[in-house]
Amino acid sequence: MTIALLGSAPLQTDIQKSNSKLASLAEDFETTFLASMFGQMTSLLDGDGPLGGQGAGGDAWRALLTDELAKSVSRSGGVGIARSVHAELIALQASGNTHNDTAD
């Protein structure tokens, strides 16, 4: 005979959803960081090619390309930022200190 606790399945589902959301936020943070880093790395490139080019067209293409590169790197495991951020978010959630509203 099995006794199921009322509400145990929804609680587990809520935890999984929360962890999934936190993982997604952590990956988004890493993607944004990488896009900024790649943008800085390519901002001074001159000449022809996919990252070169002059004017608004070249700048727009470079921005799109670096954003996609950042997404690709992040989705394929990233550089470890998402894992660290996710672990910190889980720890903050577990302690109940998701933010600090007190003014000094």
PDB file of N, CA and C in Angstrom:
ATOM      1  N   MET A   1       0.841  -1.177   0.000  1.00  0.00           N
ATOM      2  CA  MET A   1       0.000   0.000   0.000  1.00  0.00           C
ATOM      3  C   MET A   1       0.885   1.239   0.000  1.00  0.00           C
ATOM      4  N   THR A   2       0.576   2.177  -0.888  1.00  0.00           N
ATOM      5  CA  THR A   2       1.352   3.385  -1.017  1.00  0.00           C
ATOM      6  C   THR A   2       0.516   4.567  -0.567  1.00  0.00           C
ATOM      7  N   ILE A   3       1.111   5.419   0.225  1.00  0.00           N
ATOM      8  CA  ILE A   3       0.423   6.622   0.689  1.00  0.00           C
ATOM      9  C   ILE A   3       1.121   7.812   0.043  1.00  0.00           C
ATOM     10  N   ALA A   4       0.366   8.574  -0.708  1.00  0.00           N
ATOM     11  CA  ALA A   4       0.914   9.759  -1.355  1.00  0.00           C
ATOM     12  C   ALA A   4       0.572  10.977  -0.514  1.00  0.00           C
ATOM     13  N   LEU A   5       1.546  11.823  -0.329  1.00  0.00           N
ATOM     14  CA  LEU A   5       1.304  13.067   0.390  1.00  0.00           C
ATOM     15  C   LEU A   5       0.592  14.041  -0.531  1.00  0.00           C
ATOM     16  N   LEU A   6      -0.409  14.684  -0.021  1.00  0.00           N
ATOM     17  CA  LEU A   6      -1.115  15.672  -0.818  1.00  0.00           C
ATOM     18  C   LEU A   6      -0.187  16.839  -1.124  1.00  0.00           C
ATOM     19  N   GLY A   7      -0.145  17.197  -2.372  1.00  0.00           N
ATOM     20  CA  GLY A   7       0.663  18.346  -2.755  1.00  0.00           C
ATOM     21  C   GLY A   7       2.121  18.037  -2.999  1.00  0.00           C
ATOM     22  N   SER A   8       2.580  16.810  -2.862  1.00  0.00           N
ATOM     23  CA  SER A   8       4.002  16.529  -3.050  1.00  0.00           C
ATOM     24  C   SER A   8       4.411  16.630  -4.510  1.00  0.00           C
ATOM     25  N   ALA A   9       3.570  16.176  -5.420  1.00  0.00           N
ATOM     26  CA  ALA A   9       3.902  16.265  -6.845  1.00  0.00           C
ATOM     27  C   ALA A   9       3.964  17.715  -7.313  1.00  0.00           C
ATOM     28  N   PRO A  10       2.968  18.549  -6.968  1.00  0.00           N
ATOM     29  CA  PRO A  10       3.079  19.952  -7.385  1.00  0.00           C
ATOM     30  C   PRO A  10       4.301  20.650  -6.795  1.00  0.00           C
ATOM     31  N   LEU A  11       4.668  20.319  -5.578  1.00  0.00           N
ATOM     32  CA  LEU A  11       5.854  20.925  -4.979  1.00  0.00           C
ATOM     33  C   LEU A  11       7.091  20.559  -5.790  1.00  0.00           C
ATOM     34  N   GLN A  12       7.216  19.285  -6.148  1.00  0.00           N
ATOM     35  CA  GLN A  12       8.365  18.860  -6.951  1.00  0.00           C
ATOM     36  C   GLN A  12       8.357  19.573  -8.304  1.00  0.00           C
ATOM     37  N   THR A  13       7.199  19.696  -8.915  1.00  0.00           N
ATOM     38  CA  THR A  13       7.083  20.380 -10.199  1.00  0.00           C
ATOM     39  C   THR A  13       7.479  21.841 -10.051  1.00  0.00           C
ATOM     40  N   ASP A  14       7.051  22.493  -8.974  1.00  0.00           N
ATOM     41  CA  ASP A  14       7.421  23.886  -8.738  1.00  0.00           C
ATOM     42  C   ASP A  14       8.927  24.036  -8.584  1.00  0.00           C
ATOM     43  N   ILE A  15       9.556  23.109  -7.879  1.00  0.00           N
ATOM     44  CA  ILE A  15      11.008  23.159  -7.697  1.00  0.00           C
ATOM     45  C   ILE A  15      11.706  22.981  -9.037  1.00  0.00           C
ATOM     46  N   GLN A  16      11.246  22.032  -9.840  1.00  0.00           N
ATOM     47  CA  GLN A  16      11.849  21.815 -11.149  1.00  0.00           C
ATOM     48  C   GLN A  16      11.679  23.031 -12.047  1.00  0.00           C
ATOM     49  N   LYS A  17      10.487  23.653 -12.021  1.00  0.00           N
ATOM     50  CA  LYS A  17      10.255  24.855 -12.817  1.00  0.00           C
ATOM     51  C   LYS A  17      11.171  25.979 -12.361  1.00  0.00           C
ATOM     52  N   SER A  18      11.301  26.129 -11.049  1.00  0.00           N
ATOM     53  CA  SER A  18      12.156  27.175 -10.507  1.00  0.00           C
ATOM     54  C   SER A  18      13.598  26.960 -10.912  1.00  0.00           C
ATOM     55  N   ASN A  19      14.077  25.721 -10.788  1.00  0.00           N
ATOM     56  CA  ASN A  19      15.458  25.419 -11.179  1.00  0.00           C
ATOM     57  C   ASN A  19      15.657  25.633 -12.669  1.00  0.00           C
ATOM     58  N   SER A  20      14.652  25.299 -13.470  1.00  0.00           N
ATOM     59  CA  SER A  20      14.733  25.499 -14.913  1.00  0.00           C
ATOM     60  C   SER A  20      14.802  26.988 -15.241  1.00  0.00           C
ATOM     61  N   LYS A  21      13.993  27.786 -14.544  1.00  0.00           N
ATOM     62  CA  LYS A  21      14.014  29.233 -14.756  1.00  0.00           C
ATOM     63  C   LYS A  21      15.357  29.817 -14.336  1.00  0.00           C
ATOM     64  N   LEU A  22      15.881  29.356 -13.208  1.00  0.00           N
ATOM     65  CA  LEU A  22      17.166  29.857 -12.742  1.00  0.00           C
ATOM     66  C   LEU A  22      18.281  29.472 -13.704  1.00  0.00           C
ATOM     67  N   ALA A  23      18.235  28.255 -14.234  1.00  0.00           N
ATOM     68  CA  ALA A  23      19.241  27.819 -15.202  1.00  0.00           C
ATOM     69  C   ALA A  23      19.161  28.663 -16.465  1.00  0.00           C
ATOM     70  N   SER A  24      17.946  28.962 -16.892  1.00  0.00           N
ATOM     71  CA  SER A  24      17.754  29.792 -18.073  1.00  0.00           C
ATOM     72  C   SER A  24      18.274  31.211 -17.833  1.00  0.00           C
ATOM     73  N   LEU A  25      17.996  31.770 -16.655  1.00  0.00           N
ATOM     74  CA  LEU A  25      18.508  33.100 -16.316  1.00  0.00           C
ATOM     75  C   LEU A  25      20.031  33.117 -16.289  1.00  0.00           C
ATOM     76  N   ALA A  26      20.618  32.076 -15.724  1.00  0.00           N
ATOM     77  CA  ALA A  26      22.080  31.999 -15.642  1.00  0.00           C
ATOM     78  C   ALA A  26      22.685  31.911 -17.040  1.00  0.00           C
ATOM     79  N   GLU A  27      22.073  31.124 -17.922  1.00  0.00           N
ATOM     80  CA  GLU A  27      22.578  31.016 -19.292  1.00  0.00           C
ATOM     81  C   GLU A  27      22.412  32.339 -20.038  1.00  0.00           C
ATOM     82  N   ASP A  28      21.293  33.024 -19.828  1.00  0.00           N
ATOM     83  CA  ASP A  28      21.080  34.338 -20.449  1.00  0.00           C
ATOM     84  C   ASP A  28      22.131  35.336 -19.973  1.00  0.00           C
ATOM     85  N   PHE A  29      22.462  35.282 -18.687  1.00  0.00           N
ATOM     86  CA  PHE A  29      23.495  36.180 -18.148  1.00  0.00           C
ATOM     87  C   PHE A  29      24.833  35.905 -18.827  1.00  0.00           C
ATOM     88  N   GLU A  30      25.185  34.616 -18.949  1.00  0.00           N
ATOM     89  CA  GLU A  30      26.455  34.267 -19.593  1.00  0.00           C
ATOM     90  C   GLU A  30      26.453  34.704 -21.057  1.00  0.00           C
ATOM     91  N   THR A  31      25.336  34.527 -21.743  1.00  0.00           N
ATOM     92  CA  THR A  31      25.239  34.938 -23.144  1.00  0.00           C
ATOM     93  C   THR A  31      25.447  36.443 -23.278  1.00  0.00           C
ATOM     94  N   THR A  32      24.821  37.215 -22.400  1.00  0.00           N
ATOM     95  CA  THR A  32      24.974  38.667 -22.430  1.00  0.00           C
ATOM     96  C   THR A  32      26.416  39.075 -22.162  1.00  0.00           C
ATOM     97  N   PHE A  33      27.037  38.431 -21.183  1.00  0.00           N
ATOM     98  CA  PHE A  33      28.434  38.720 -20.876  1.00  0.00           C
ATOM     99  C   PHE A  33      29.330  38.399 -22.072  1.00  0.00           C
ATOM    100  N   LEU A  34      29.139  37.224 -22.657  1.00  0.00           N
ATOM    101  CA  LEU A  34      29.964  36.828 -23.794  1.00  0.00           C
ATOM    102  C   LEU A  34      29.744  37.743 -24.992  1.00  0.00           C
ATOM    103  N   ALA A  35      28.512  38.151 -25.240  1.00  0.00           N
ATOM    104  CA  ALA A  35      28.231  39.063 -26.348  1.00  0.00           C
ATOM    105  C   ALA A  35      28.960  40.387 -26.145  1.00  0.00           C
ATOM    106  N   SER A  36      28.957  40.873 -24.917  1.00  0.00           N
ATOM    107  CA  SER A  36      29.680  42.107 -24.613  1.00  0.00           C
ATOM    108  C   SER A  36      31.188  41.925 -24.817  1.00  0.00           C
ATOM    109  N   MET A  37      31.707  40.808 -24.340  1.00  0.00           N
ATOM    110  CA  MET A  37      33.140  40.530 -24.489  1.00  0.00           C
ATOM    111  C   MET A  37      33.527  40.393 -25.959  1.00  0.00           C
ATOM    112  N   PHE A  38      32.752  39.616 -26.724  1.00  0.00           N
ATOM    113  CA  PHE A  38      33.050  39.446 -28.142  1.00  0.00           C
ATOM    114  C   PHE A  38      32.892  40.751 -28.899  1.00  0.00           C
ATOM    115  N   GLY A  39      31.908  41.564 -28.501  1.00  0.00           N
ATOM    116  CA  GLY A  39      31.723  42.868 -29.130  1.00  0.00           C
ATOM    117  C   GLY A  39      32.929  43.768 -28.919  1.00  0.00           C
ATOM    118  N   GLN A  40      33.473  43.758 -27.711  1.00  0.00           N
ATOM    119  CA  GLN A  40      34.664  44.551 -27.433  1.00  0.00           C
ATOM    120  C   GLN A  40      35.871  44.031 -28.213  1.00  0.00           C
ATOM    121  N   MET A  41      35.959  42.714 -28.315  1.00  0.00           N
ATOM    122  CA  MET A  41      37.087  42.110 -29.033  1.00  0.00           C
ATOM    123  C   MET A  41      37.060  42.455 -30.518  1.00  0.00           C
ATOM    124  N   THR A  42      35.882  42.568 -31.099  1.00  0.00           N
ATOM    125  CA  THR A  42      35.780  42.788 -32.542  1.00  0.00           C
ATOM    126  C   THR A  42      35.531  44.247 -32.915  1.00  0.00           C
ATOM    127  N   SER A  43      35.373  45.117 -31.958  1.00  0.00           N
ATOM    128  CA  SER A  43      34.993  46.504 -32.253  1.00  0.00           C
ATOM    129  C   SER A  43      36.066  47.269 -33.025  1.00  0.00           C
ATOM    130  N   LEU A  44      37.295  46.893 -32.887  1.00  0.00           N
ATOM    131  CA  LEU A  44      38.368  47.637 -33.544  1.00  0.00           C
ATOM    132  C   LEU A  44      38.880  46.963 -34.814  1.00  0.00           C
ATOM    133  N   LEU A  45      38.226  45.897 -35.254  1.00  0.00           N
ATOM    134  CA  LEU A  45      38.663  45.214 -36.464  1.00  0.00           C
ATOM    135  C   LEU A  45      38.364  46.063 -37.689  1.00  0.00           C
ATOM    136  N   ASP A  46      39.327  46.109 -38.596  1.00  0.00           N
ATOM    137  CA  ASP A  46      39.160  46.848 -39.842  1.00  0.00           C
ATOM    138  C   ASP A  46      39.274  45.871 -41.002  1.00  0.00           C
ATOM    139  N   GLY A  47      38.944  46.350 -42.169  1.00  0.00           N
ATOM    140  CA  GLY A  47      39.153  45.559 -43.369  1.00  0.00           C
ATOM    141  C   GLY A  47      37.934  44.777 -43.787  1.00  0.00           C
ATOM    142  N   ASP A  48      38.170  43.910 -44.751  1.00  0.00           N
ATOM    143  CA  ASP A  48      37.091  43.092 -45.303  1.00  0.00           C
ATOM    144  C   ASP A  48      36.901  41.852 -44.461  1.00  0.00           C
ATOM    145  N   GLY A  49      35.832  41.143 -44.759  1.00  0.00           N
ATOM    146  CA  GLY A  49      35.558  39.909 -44.047  1.00  0.00           C
ATOM    147  C   GLY A  49      34.319  40.034 -43.189  1.00  0.00           C
ATOM    148  N   PRO A  50      33.936  38.934 -42.562  1.00  0.00           N
ATOM    149  CA  PRO A  50      32.681  38.937 -41.802  1.00  0.00           C
ATOM    150  C   PRO A  50      32.684  39.848 -40.581  1.00  0.00           C
ATOM    151  N   LEU A  51      33.841  40.133 -40.014  1.00  0.00           N
ATOM    152  CA  LEU A  51      33.877  41.000 -38.837  1.00  0.00           C
ATOM    153  C   LEU A  51      34.432  42.380 -39.146  1.00  0.00           C
ATOM    154  N   GLY A  52      34.863  42.585 -40.358  1.00  0.00           N
ATOM    155  CA  GLY A  52      35.384  43.889 -40.758  1.00  0.00           C
ATOM    156  C   GLY A  52      34.281  44.738 -41.348  1.00  0.00           C
ATOM    157  N   GLY A  53      34.657  45.626 -42.205  1.00  0.00           N
ATOM    158  CA  GLY A  53      33.658  46.472 -42.857  1.00  0.00           C
ATOM    159  C   GLY A  53      33.486  47.782 -42.117  1.00  0.00           C
ATOM    160  N   GLN A  54      33.087  48.770 -42.870  1.00  0.00           N
ATOM    161  CA  GLN A  54      32.935  50.110 -42.318  1.00  0.00           C
ATOM    162  C   GLN A  54      31.464  50.515 -42.343  1.00  0.00           C
ATOM    163  N   GLY A  55      31.114  51.467 -41.538  1.00  0.00           N
ATOM    164  CA  GLY A  55      29.783  52.043 -41.568  1.00  0.00           C
ATOM    165  C   GLY A  55      28.758  51.265 -40.759  1.00  0.00           C
ATOM    166  N   ALA A  56      27.517  51.735 -40.871  1.00  0.00           N
ATOM    167  CA  ALA A  56      26.422  51.167 -40.090  1.00  0.00           C
ATOM    168  C   ALA A  56      26.157  49.710 -40.460  1.00  0.00           C
ATOM    169  N   GLY A  57      26.273  49.371 -41.738  1.00  0.00           N
ATOM    170  CA  GLY A  57      26.047  47.990 -42.165  1.00  0.00           C
ATOM    171  C   GLY A  57      27.043  47.034 -41.538  1.00  0.00           C
ATOM    172  N   GLY A  58      28.307  47.410 -41.547  1.00  0.00           N
ATOM    173  CA  GLY A  58      29.343  46.568 -40.937  1.00  0.00           C
ATOM    174  C   GLY A  58      29.153  46.443 -39.438  1.00  0.00           C
ATOM    175  N   ASP A  59      28.789  47.531 -38.789  1.00  0.00           N
ATOM    176  CA  ASP A  59      28.557  47.503 -37.339  1.00  0.00           C
ATOM    177  C   ASP A  59      27.366  46.614 -36.983  1.00  0.00           C
ATOM    178  N   ALA A  60      26.294  46.723 -37.761  1.00  0.00           N
ATOM    179  CA  ALA A  60      25.108  45.905 -37.497  1.00  0.00           C
ATOM    180  C   ALA A  60      25.423  44.429 -37.713  1.00  0.00           C
ATOM    181  N   TRP A  61      26.127  44.119 -38.799  1.00  0.00           N
ATOM    182  CA  TRP A  61      26.487  42.726 -39.086  1.00  0.00           C
ATOM    183  C   TRP A  61      27.370  42.168 -37.976  1.00  0.00           C
ATOM    184  N   ARG A  62      28.349  42.955 -37.550  1.00  0.00           N
ATOM    185  CA  ARG A  62      29.264  42.522 -36.493  1.00  0.00           C
ATOM    186  C   ARG A  62      28.498  42.256 -35.197  1.00  0.00           C
ATOM    187  N   ALA A  63      27.540  43.126 -34.859  1.00  0.00           N
ATOM    188  CA  ALA A  63      26.750  42.957 -33.638  1.00  0.00           C
ATOM    189  C   ALA A  63      25.914  41.684 -33.696  1.00  0.00           C
ATOM    190  N   LEU A  64      25.269  41.440 -34.844  1.00  0.00           N
ATOM    191  CA  LEU A  64      24.475  40.217 -35.006  1.00  0.00           C
ATOM    192  C   LEU A  64      25.353  38.969 -34.917  1.00  0.00           C
ATOM    193  N   LEU A  65      26.506  39.028 -35.563  1.00  0.00           N
ATOM    194  CA  LEU A  65      27.405  37.882 -35.568  1.00  0.00           C
ATOM    195  C   LEU A  65      27.960  37.586 -34.174  1.00  0.00           C
ATOM    196  N   THR A  66      28.333  38.618 -33.443  1.00  0.00           N
ATOM    197  CA  THR A  66      28.864  38.389 -32.090  1.00  0.00           C
ATOM    198  C   THR A  66      27.771  37.908 -31.143  1.00  0.00           C
ATOM    199  N   ASP A  67      26.529  38.379 -31.311  1.00  0.00           N
ATOM    200  CA  ASP A  67      25.418  37.884 -30.493  1.00  0.00           C
ATOM    201  C   ASP A  67      25.181  36.396 -30.736  1.00  0.00           C
ATOM    202  N   GLU A  68      25.176  35.994 -31.994  1.00  0.00           N
ATOM    203  CA  GLU A  68      24.968  34.582 -32.315  1.00  0.00           C
ATOM    204  C   GLU A  68      26.129  33.723 -31.843  1.00  0.00           C
ATOM    205  N   LEU A  69      27.335  34.243 -31.938  1.00  0.00           N
ATOM    206  CA  LEU A  69      28.501  33.520 -31.438  1.00  0.00           C
ATOM    207  C   LEU A  69      28.389  33.322 -29.926  1.00  0.00           C
ATOM    208  N   ALA A  70      27.965  34.360 -29.220  1.00  0.00           N
ATOM    209  CA  ALA A  70      27.795  34.261 -27.766  1.00  0.00           C
ATOM    210  C   ALA A  70      26.730  33.232 -27.408  1.00  0.00           C
ATOM    211  N   LYS A  71      25.599  33.230 -28.132  1.00  0.00           N
ATOM    212  CA  LYS A  71      24.545  32.247 -27.888  1.00  0.00           C
ATOM    213  C   LYS A  71      25.059  30.831 -28.129  1.00  0.00           C
ATOM    214  N   SER A  72      25.808  30.655 -29.197  1.00  0.00           N
ATOM    215  CA  SER A  72      26.333  29.337 -29.541  1.00  0.00           C
ATOM    216  C   SER A  72      27.307  28.829 -28.480  1.00  0.00           C
ATOM    217  N   VAL A  73      28.194  29.683 -28.038  1.00  0.00           N
ATOM    218  CA  VAL A  73      29.165  29.298 -27.008  1.00  0.00           C
ATOM    219  C   VAL A  73      28.448  28.961 -25.706  1.00  0.00           C
ATOM    220  N   SER A  74      27.484  29.775 -25.327  1.00  0.00           N
ATOM    221  CA  SER A  74      26.749  29.555 -24.087  1.00  0.00           C
ATOM    222  C   SER A  74      25.950  28.253 -24.132  1.00  0.00           C
ATOM    223  N   ARG A  75      25.262  27.981 -25.259  1.00  0.00           N
ATOM    224  CA  ARG A  75      24.467  26.757 -25.393  1.00  0.00           C
ATOM    225  C   ARG A  75      25.329  25.504 -25.402  1.00  0.00           C
ATOM    226  N   SER A  76      26.568  25.623 -25.850  1.00  0.00           N
ATOM    227  CA  SER A  76      27.423  24.438 -25.940  1.00  0.00           C
ATOM    228  C   SER A  76      28.281  24.244 -24.695  1.00  0.00           C
ATOM    229  N   GLY A  77      27.915  24.860 -23.605  1.00  0.00           N
ATOM    230  CA  GLY A  77      28.630  24.650 -22.351  1.00  0.00           C
ATOM    231  C   GLY A  77      29.234  25.911 -21.781  1.00  0.00           C
ATOM    232  N   GLY A  78      29.391  26.907 -22.605  1.00  0.00           N
ATOM    233  CA  GLY A  78      29.883  28.195 -22.138  1.00  0.00           C
ATOM    234  C   GLY A  78      31.293  28.157 -21.586  1.00  0.00           C
ATOM    235  N   VAL A  79      31.571  29.121 -20.745  1.00  0.00           N
ATOM    236  CA  VAL A  79      32.896  29.249 -20.144  1.00  0.00           C
ATOM    237  C   VAL A  79      32.837  29.072 -18.632  1.00  0.00           C
ATOM    238  N   GLY A  80      31.697  28.634 -18.128  1.00  0.00           N
ATOM    239  CA  GLY A  80      31.566  28.357 -16.699  1.00  0.00           C
ATOM    240  C   GLY A  80      30.836  29.412 -15.901  1.00  0.00           C
ATOM    241  N   ILE A  81      30.523  30.522 -16.525  1.00  0.00           N
ATOM    242  CA  ILE A  81      29.842  31.597 -15.810  1.00  0.00           C
ATOM    243  C   ILE A  81      28.428  31.167 -15.428  1.00  0.00           C
ATOM    244  N   ALA A  82      27.712  30.536 -16.353  1.00  0.00           N
ATOM    245  CA  ALA A  82      26.327  30.133 -16.086  1.00  0.00           C
ATOM    246  C   ALA A  82      26.256  29.149 -14.923  1.00  0.00           C
ATOM    247  N   ARG A  83      27.193  28.208 -14.860  1.00  0.00           N
ATOM    248  CA  ARG A  83      27.191  27.242 -13.753  1.00  0.00           C
ATOM    249  C   ARG A  83      27.386  27.946 -12.414  1.00  0.00           C
ATOM    250  N   SER A  84      28.304  28.880 -12.370  1.00  0.00           N
ATOM    251  CA  SER A  84      28.559  29.616 -11.129  1.00  0.00           C
ATOM    252  C   SER A  84      27.372  30.477 -10.730  1.00  0.00           C
ATOM    253  N   VAL A  85      26.789  31.171 -11.704  1.00  0.00           N
ATOM    254  CA  VAL A  85      25.636  32.021 -11.425  1.00  0.00           C
ATOM    255  C   VAL A  85      24.454  31.166 -10.981  1.00  0.00           C
ATOM    256  N   HIS A  86      24.231  30.032 -11.657  1.00  0.00           N
ATOM    257  CA  HIS A  86      23.130  29.143 -11.289  1.00  0.00           C
ATOM    258  C   HIS A  86      23.303  28.630  -9.865  1.00  0.00           C
ATOM    259  N   ALA A  87      24.498  28.213  -9.511  1.00  0.00           N
ATOM    260  CA  ALA A  87      24.754  27.718  -8.155  1.00  0.00           C
ATOM    261  C   ALA A  87      24.493  28.817  -7.121  1.00  0.00           C
ATOM    262  N   GLU A  88      24.887  30.034  -7.428  1.00  0.00           N
ATOM    263  CA  GLU A  88      24.666  31.152  -6.510  1.00  0.00           C
ATOM    264  C   GLU A  88      23.175  31.472  -6.384  1.00  0.00           C
ATOM    265  N   LEU A  89      22.454  31.420  -7.494  1.00  0.00           N
ATOM    266  CA  LEU A  89      21.003  31.667  -7.452  1.00  0.00           C
ATOM    267  C   LEU A  89      20.285  30.597  -6.630  1.00  0.00           C
ATOM    268  N   ILE A  90      20.700  29.347  -6.774  1.00  0.00           N
ATOM    269  CA  ILE A  90      20.111  28.258  -5.983  1.00  0.00           C
ATOM    270  C   ILE A  90      20.393  28.493  -4.502  1.00  0.00           C
ATOM    271  N   ALA A  91      21.625  28.879  -4.183  1.00  0.00           N
ATOM    272  CA  ALA A  91      21.981  29.131  -2.780  1.00  0.00           C
ATOM    273  C   ALA A  91      21.174  30.293  -2.215  1.00  0.00           C
ATOM    274  N   LEU A  92      21.012  31.354  -2.997  1.00  0.00           N
ATOM    275  CA  LEU A  92      20.213  32.498  -2.548  1.00  0.00           C
ATOM    276  C   LEU A  92      18.758  32.113  -2.350  1.00  0.00           C
ATOM    277  N   GLN A  93      18.236  31.307  -3.264  1.00  0.00           N
ATOM    278  CA  GLN A  93      16.853  30.860  -3.145  1.00  0.00           C
ATOM    279  C   GLN A  93      16.670  29.975  -1.910  1.00  0.00           C
ATOM    280  N   ALA A  94      17.621  29.110  -1.650  1.00  0.00           N
ATOM    281  CA  ALA A  94      17.538  28.208  -0.503  1.00  0.00           C
ATOM    282  C   ALA A  94      17.592  28.973   0.818  1.00  0.00           C
ATOM    283  N   SER A  95      18.371  30.051   0.847  1.00  0.00           N
ATOM    284  CA  SER A  95      18.490  30.825   2.067  1.00  0.00           C
ATOM    285  C   SER A  95      17.348  31.827   2.237  1.00  0.00           C
ATOM    286  N   GLY A  96      16.583  32.012   1.163  1.00  0.00           N
ATOM    287  CA  GLY A  96      15.460  32.952   1.233  1.00  0.00           C
ATOM    288  C   GLY A  96      15.872  34.386   1.038  1.00  0.00           C
ATOM    289  N   ASN A  97      17.128  34.618   0.668  1.00  0.00           N
ATOM    290  CA  ASN A  97      17.630  35.969   0.482  1.00  0.00           C
ATOM    291  C   ASN A  97      17.807  36.257  -0.988  1.00  0.00           C
ATOM    292  N   THR A  98      16.699  36.371  -1.717  1.00  0.00           N
ATOM    293  CA  THR A  98      16.808  36.637  -3.150  1.00  0.00           C
ATOM    294  C   THR A  98      17.165  38.084  -3.456  1.00  0.00           C
ATOM    295  N   HIS A  99      16.881  38.997  -2.535  1.00  0.00           N
ATOM    296  CA  HIS A  99      17.287  40.376  -2.692  1.00  0.00           C
ATOM    297  C   HIS A  99      17.287  41.061  -1.328  1.00  0.00           C
ATOM    298  N   ASN A 100      17.879  42.202  -1.297  1.00  0.00           N
ATOM    299  CA  ASN A 100      17.982  42.937  -0.052  1.00  0.00           C
ATOM    300  C   ASN A 100      17.290  44.283  -0.243  1.00  0.00           C
ATOM    301  N   ASP A 101      16.156  44.486   0.420  1.00  0.00           N
ATOM    302  CA  ASP A 101      15.392  45.712   0.284  1.00  0.00           C
ATOM    303  C   ASP A 101      15.704  46.727   1.373  1.00  0.00           C
ATOM    304  N   THR A 102      16.639  46.457   2.239  1.00  0.00           N
ATOM    305  CA  THR A 102      16.922  47.383   3.331  1.00  0.00           C
ATOM    306  C   THR A 102      17.827  48.493   2.851  1.00  0.00           C
ATOM    307  N   ALA A 103      17.521  49.697   3.254  1.00  0.00           N
ATOM    308  CA  ALA A 103      18.343  50.848   2.919  1.00  0.00           C
ATOM    309  C   ALA A 103      19.281  51.153   4.080  1.00  0.00           C
ATOM    310  N   ASP A 104      20.478  51.562   3.728  1.00  0.00           N
ATOM    311  CA  ASP A 104      21.452  51.920   4.769  1.00  0.00           C
ATOM    312  C   ASP A 104      21.262  53.343   5.230  1.00  0.00           C
TER     313      ASP A 104
END
